[in-house]
Amino acid sequence: MKLRELAHSRTGDKGNTLNVSVICYDPRHYEHLRRELSADRVKLHLREVVRGDVVRYELPHLAAFNFVLGDALGGGVTRSLALDAHGKSLSSALMSLEIADLP
C-alpha cells in the first residue's frame, strides 16, 4: 500500500533544510507507520534529492512524525535552480512510498 493511504503531509523549508511532516489520518495507524517510516527508509526513498542526513522526530500525541532533511533543496531557495526550490513536491514523493499493509 502507499503511504498516502494512511497519512497526509506538510512541508516547510529553511535555507537548504526541508521539514516534511507525516500526519496519520487515523491515530490507530501511528504504530504501524512508526515501524515502517525510519529516517533511513525516508532517505533511501528520496535519495535522488536529499544529500544530507535525515532525522525523524516522533509526535505520538499528534499521531505524526517530522522528518528534517538536510541538504535537500539544492543550496536553498535563493540559490537553487530547481523548479521546486521550496521542496513542496517532496511531500508528494514521500507519500508514494510503498509500505506494508496494515496487519
N, C-alpha and C. Protein backbone atom coordinates (compact mmCIF):
# COMPACT_ATOMS: atom_id res chain seq x y z
N MET A 1 0.84 -1.17 0.00
CA MET A 1 0.00 0.00 0.00
C MET A 1 0.89 1.24 0.00
N LYS A 2 0.37 2.33 -0.47
CA LYS A 2 1.09 3.60 -0.50
C LYS A 2 0.89 4.33 0.83
N LEU A 3 1.91 5.04 1.26
CA LEU A 3 1.84 5.82 2.48
C LEU A 3 0.65 6.77 2.46
N ARG A 4 0.33 7.33 1.30
CA ARG A 4 -0.78 8.30 1.19
C ARG A 4 -2.13 7.72 1.59
N GLU A 5 -2.23 6.40 1.66
CA GLU A 5 -3.49 5.78 2.08
C GLU A 5 -3.73 5.91 3.58
N LEU A 6 -2.65 6.15 4.36
CA LEU A 6 -2.77 6.24 5.81
C LEU A 6 -2.42 7.61 6.37
N ALA A 7 -1.83 8.47 5.55
CA ALA A 7 -1.34 9.74 6.08
C ALA A 7 -1.33 10.83 5.01
N HIS A 8 -1.23 12.05 5.48
CA HIS A 8 -1.01 13.18 4.58
C HIS A 8 0.24 13.90 5.06
N SER A 9 0.65 14.93 4.34
CA SER A 9 1.94 15.55 4.61
C SER A 9 1.89 17.06 4.45
N ARG A 10 2.80 17.72 5.15
CA ARG A 10 3.02 19.16 5.02
C ARG A 10 4.53 19.37 4.98
N THR A 11 4.95 20.46 4.35
CA THR A 11 6.39 20.75 4.30
C THR A 11 6.68 22.18 4.71
N GLY A 12 7.92 22.41 5.05
CA GLY A 12 8.40 23.75 5.33
C GLY A 12 9.90 23.76 5.07
N ASP A 13 10.44 24.90 4.73
CA ASP A 13 11.86 24.97 4.41
C ASP A 13 12.53 26.10 5.15
N LYS A 14 13.81 25.93 5.38
CA LYS A 14 14.67 26.98 5.95
C LYS A 14 16.05 26.75 5.36
N GLY A 15 16.44 27.66 4.51
CA GLY A 15 17.74 27.50 3.85
C GLY A 15 17.75 26.26 2.98
N ASN A 16 18.70 25.38 3.22
CA ASN A 16 18.86 24.17 2.44
C ASN A 16 18.28 22.95 3.17
N THR A 17 17.47 23.20 4.19
CA THR A 17 16.89 22.14 5.01
C THR A 17 15.38 22.11 4.80
N LEU A 18 14.84 20.92 4.65
CA LEU A 18 13.40 20.75 4.44
C LEU A 18 12.82 19.95 5.59
N ASN A 19 11.69 20.40 6.13
CA ASN A 19 10.90 19.63 7.09
C ASN A 19 9.73 19.02 6.34
N VAL A 20 9.53 17.73 6.56
CA VAL A 20 8.37 17.05 5.99
C VAL A 20 7.64 16.38 7.14
N SER A 21 6.42 16.81 7.38
CA SER A 21 5.58 16.19 8.40
C SER A 21 4.71 15.13 7.76
N VAL A 22 4.58 14.02 8.44
CA VAL A 22 3.69 12.94 8.02
C VAL A 22 2.66 12.78 9.13
N ILE A 23 1.39 12.98 8.80
CA ILE A 23 0.32 13.02 9.79
C ILE A 23 -0.69 11.91 9.48
N CYS A 24 -0.89 11.03 10.43
CA CYS A 24 -1.84 9.92 10.25
C CYS A 24 -3.26 10.45 10.13
N TYR A 25 -4.02 9.88 9.22
CA TYR A 25 -5.45 10.18 9.15
C TYR A 25 -6.15 9.65 10.40
N ASP A 26 -5.72 8.46 10.82
CA ASP A 26 -6.32 7.80 11.97
C ASP A 26 -5.20 7.50 12.98
N PRO A 27 -5.30 7.99 14.20
CA PRO A 27 -4.25 7.76 15.20
C PRO A 27 -3.94 6.28 15.44
N ARG A 28 -4.88 5.41 15.14
CA ARG A 28 -4.62 3.97 15.32
C ARG A 28 -3.53 3.45 14.40
N HIS A 29 -3.21 4.19 13.34
CA HIS A 29 -2.18 3.75 12.39
C HIS A 29 -0.78 4.24 12.74
N TYR A 30 -0.68 5.01 13.80
CA TYR A 30 0.62 5.61 14.18
C TYR A 30 1.70 4.54 14.41
N GLU A 31 1.40 3.52 15.18
CA GLU A 31 2.42 2.50 15.48
C GLU A 31 2.86 1.75 14.23
N HIS A 32 1.93 1.51 13.34
CA HIS A 32 2.29 0.85 12.08
C HIS A 32 3.27 1.73 11.30
N LEU A 33 2.95 3.01 11.20
CA LEU A 33 3.85 3.91 10.47
C LEU A 33 5.16 4.12 11.22
N ARG A 34 5.12 4.06 12.53
CA ARG A 34 6.36 4.17 13.32
C ARG A 34 7.33 3.05 12.95
N ARG A 35 6.79 1.86 12.71
CA ARG A 35 7.64 0.73 12.31
C ARG A 35 8.10 0.85 10.86
N GLU A 36 7.28 1.41 10.01
CA GLU A 36 7.56 1.47 8.57
C GLU A 36 8.43 2.66 8.14
N LEU A 37 8.34 3.78 8.84
CA LEU A 37 8.97 5.03 8.39
C LEU A 37 10.20 5.39 9.19
N SER A 38 11.27 4.71 8.96
CA SER A 38 12.53 5.09 9.61
C SER A 38 13.18 6.24 8.84
N ALA A 39 14.07 6.94 9.49
CA ALA A 39 14.81 8.01 8.80
C ALA A 39 15.59 7.44 7.62
N ASP A 40 16.18 6.26 7.81
CA ASP A 40 16.95 5.64 6.72
C ASP A 40 16.06 5.30 5.53
N ARG A 41 14.86 4.84 5.81
CA ARG A 41 13.94 4.48 4.72
C ARG A 41 13.49 5.72 3.95
N VAL A 42 13.23 6.81 4.66
CA VAL A 42 12.86 8.06 4.00
C VAL A 42 14.02 8.57 3.15
N LYS A 43 15.23 8.51 3.70
CA LYS A 43 16.40 8.98 2.94
C LYS A 43 16.60 8.13 1.68
N LEU A 44 16.45 6.83 1.80
CA LEU A 44 16.59 5.95 0.64
C LEU A 44 15.54 6.28 -0.42
N HIS A 45 14.32 6.50 -0.01
CA HIS A 45 13.24 6.80 -0.95
C HIS A 45 13.47 8.13 -1.68
N LEU A 46 14.06 9.10 -0.99
CA LEU A 46 14.28 10.43 -1.58
C LEU A 46 15.75 10.66 -1.94
N ARG A 47 16.48 9.59 -2.14
CA ARG A 47 17.93 9.66 -2.34
C ARG A 47 18.38 10.50 -3.54
N GLU A 48 17.53 10.66 -4.52
CA GLU A 48 17.91 11.46 -5.69
C GLU A 48 17.98 12.95 -5.37
N VAL A 49 17.36 13.37 -4.29
CA VAL A 49 17.29 14.79 -3.94
C VAL A 49 17.97 15.10 -2.62
N VAL A 50 17.79 14.24 -1.64
CA VAL A 50 18.32 14.51 -0.29
C VAL A 50 19.76 14.06 -0.20
N ARG A 51 20.65 15.00 0.01
CA ARG A 51 22.09 14.71 0.08
C ARG A 51 22.62 14.63 1.51
N GLY A 52 21.89 15.18 2.45
CA GLY A 52 22.35 15.21 3.84
C GLY A 52 21.64 14.19 4.70
N ASP A 53 21.77 14.39 6.00
CA ASP A 53 21.16 13.50 6.97
C ASP A 53 19.65 13.68 7.01
N VAL A 54 18.97 12.64 7.43
CA VAL A 54 17.53 12.68 7.69
C VAL A 54 17.34 12.31 9.15
N VAL A 55 16.62 13.15 9.87
CA VAL A 55 16.33 12.91 11.28
C VAL A 55 14.82 12.82 11.44
N ARG A 56 14.37 11.81 12.19
CA ARG A 56 12.94 11.63 12.44
C ARG A 56 12.62 12.05 13.88
N TYR A 57 11.59 12.86 14.00
CA TYR A 57 11.06 13.24 15.30
C TYR A 57 9.67 12.64 15.41
N GLU A 58 9.39 11.98 16.53
CA GLU A 58 8.11 11.34 16.75
C GLU A 58 7.20 12.26 17.56
N LEU A 59 5.96 12.36 17.15
CA LEU A 59 4.96 13.18 17.83
C LEU A 59 3.73 12.31 18.08
N PRO A 60 3.82 11.37 19.03
CA PRO A 60 2.74 10.40 19.22
C PRO A 60 1.41 11.02 19.62
N HIS A 61 1.42 12.10 20.37
CA HIS A 61 0.15 12.73 20.78
C HIS A 61 -0.58 13.37 19.59
N LEU A 62 0.17 13.64 18.53
CA LEU A 62 -0.43 14.19 17.31
C LEU A 62 -0.59 13.12 16.22
N ALA A 63 -0.12 11.91 16.52
CA ALA A 63 -0.09 10.82 15.53
C ALA A 63 0.64 11.29 14.27
N ALA A 64 1.83 11.86 14.50
CA ALA A 64 2.59 12.45 13.39
C ALA A 64 4.09 12.25 13.58
N PHE A 65 4.80 12.49 12.51
CA PHE A 65 6.26 12.46 12.50
C PHE A 65 6.74 13.71 11.79
N ASN A 66 7.89 14.19 12.18
CA ASN A 66 8.52 15.29 11.45
C ASN A 66 9.90 14.80 11.02
N PHE A 67 10.15 14.85 9.73
CA PHE A 67 11.44 14.47 9.18
C PHE A 67 12.17 15.74 8.77
N VAL A 68 13.41 15.88 9.24
CA VAL A 68 14.24 17.01 8.87
C VAL A 68 15.26 16.48 7.87
N LEU A 69 15.18 17.01 6.66
CA LEU A 69 16.01 16.54 5.54
C LEU A 69 17.09 17.58 5.25
N GLY A 70 18.33 17.22 5.54
CA GLY A 70 19.44 18.14 5.32
C GLY A 70 19.92 18.12 3.88
N ASP A 71 20.45 19.24 3.44
CA ASP A 71 21.00 19.37 2.09
C ASP A 71 20.02 18.80 1.05
N ALA A 72 18.79 19.32 1.11
CA ALA A 72 17.72 18.76 0.29
C ALA A 72 17.16 19.73 -0.74
N LEU A 73 17.63 20.98 -0.74
CA LEU A 73 17.00 21.98 -1.59
C LEU A 73 17.97 22.63 -2.58
N GLY A 74 19.00 21.90 -2.96
CA GLY A 74 19.92 22.41 -3.97
C GLY A 74 20.60 23.71 -3.57
N GLY A 75 20.85 23.88 -2.29
CA GLY A 75 21.53 25.09 -1.81
C GLY A 75 20.60 26.06 -1.12
N GLY A 76 19.30 25.86 -1.25
CA GLY A 76 18.34 26.76 -0.64
C GLY A 76 17.55 27.53 -1.69
N VAL A 77 16.47 28.14 -1.27
CA VAL A 77 15.54 28.79 -2.19
C VAL A 77 16.21 29.85 -3.06
N THR A 78 17.07 30.65 -2.47
CA THR A 78 17.68 31.73 -3.24
C THR A 78 18.84 31.27 -4.11
N ARG A 79 19.30 30.02 -3.95
CA ARG A 79 20.44 29.53 -4.71
C ARG A 79 20.08 28.42 -5.70
N SER A 80 18.99 27.75 -5.46
CA SER A 80 18.64 26.57 -6.24
C SER A 80 18.09 26.94 -7.62
N LEU A 81 18.43 26.12 -8.59
CA LEU A 81 17.87 26.24 -9.93
C LEU A 81 16.72 25.26 -10.13
N ALA A 82 16.35 24.55 -9.07
CA ALA A 82 15.27 23.57 -9.16
C ALA A 82 13.93 24.25 -9.41
N LEU A 83 13.06 23.57 -10.11
CA LEU A 83 11.72 24.11 -10.35
C LEU A 83 10.93 24.23 -9.05
N ASP A 84 11.21 23.36 -8.10
CA ASP A 84 10.53 23.38 -6.80
C ASP A 84 11.57 23.69 -5.72
N ALA A 85 12.04 24.90 -5.68
CA ALA A 85 13.10 25.27 -4.75
C ALA A 85 12.68 25.16 -3.29
N HIS A 86 11.38 25.22 -3.00
CA HIS A 86 10.88 25.08 -1.63
C HIS A 86 10.70 23.63 -1.22
N GLY A 87 10.77 22.70 -2.15
CA GLY A 87 10.66 21.28 -1.84
C GLY A 87 9.27 20.78 -1.56
N LYS A 88 8.24 21.52 -1.94
CA LYS A 88 6.86 21.10 -1.66
C LYS A 88 6.53 19.76 -2.33
N SER A 89 7.09 19.52 -3.50
CA SER A 89 6.77 18.28 -4.20
C SER A 89 7.39 17.06 -3.53
N LEU A 90 8.36 17.26 -2.65
CA LEU A 90 8.95 16.11 -1.96
C LEU A 90 7.95 15.45 -1.01
N SER A 91 6.98 16.21 -0.51
CA SER A 91 5.96 15.58 0.32
C SER A 91 5.13 14.61 -0.52
N SER A 92 4.82 14.98 -1.74
CA SER A 92 4.09 14.07 -2.64
C SER A 92 4.95 12.86 -2.98
N ALA A 93 6.23 13.08 -3.19
CA ALA A 93 7.13 11.96 -3.48
C ALA A 93 7.19 11.00 -2.30
N LEU A 94 7.24 11.54 -1.09
CA LEU A 94 7.27 10.68 0.09
C LEU A 94 5.96 9.90 0.23
N MET A 95 4.84 10.52 -0.10
CA MET A 95 3.54 9.85 0.02
C MET A 95 3.42 8.67 -0.93
N SER A 96 4.30 8.57 -1.93
CA SER A 96 4.27 7.43 -2.85
C SER A 96 5.08 6.25 -2.33
N LEU A 97 5.68 6.39 -1.15
CA LEU A 97 6.46 5.30 -0.56
C LEU A 97 5.56 4.09 -0.34
N GLU A 98 6.04 2.95 -0.75
CA GLU A 98 5.31 1.70 -0.57
C GLU A 98 5.58 1.17 0.83
N ILE A 99 4.51 0.95 1.59
CA ILE A 99 4.65 0.42 2.95
C ILE A 99 3.86 -0.88 3.07
N ALA A 100 4.14 -1.61 4.13
CA ALA A 100 3.43 -2.87 4.37
C ALA A 100 1.96 -2.60 4.65
N ASP A 101 1.12 -3.51 4.23
CA ASP A 101 -0.31 -3.42 4.53
C ASP A 101 -0.53 -3.48 6.03
N LEU A 102 -1.62 -2.91 6.48
CA LEU A 102 -1.98 -2.98 7.89
C LEU A 102 -2.16 -4.44 8.30
N PRO A 103 -1.73 -4.76 9.53
CA PRO A 103 -1.89 -6.15 9.99
C PRO A 103 -3.36 -6.50 10.18
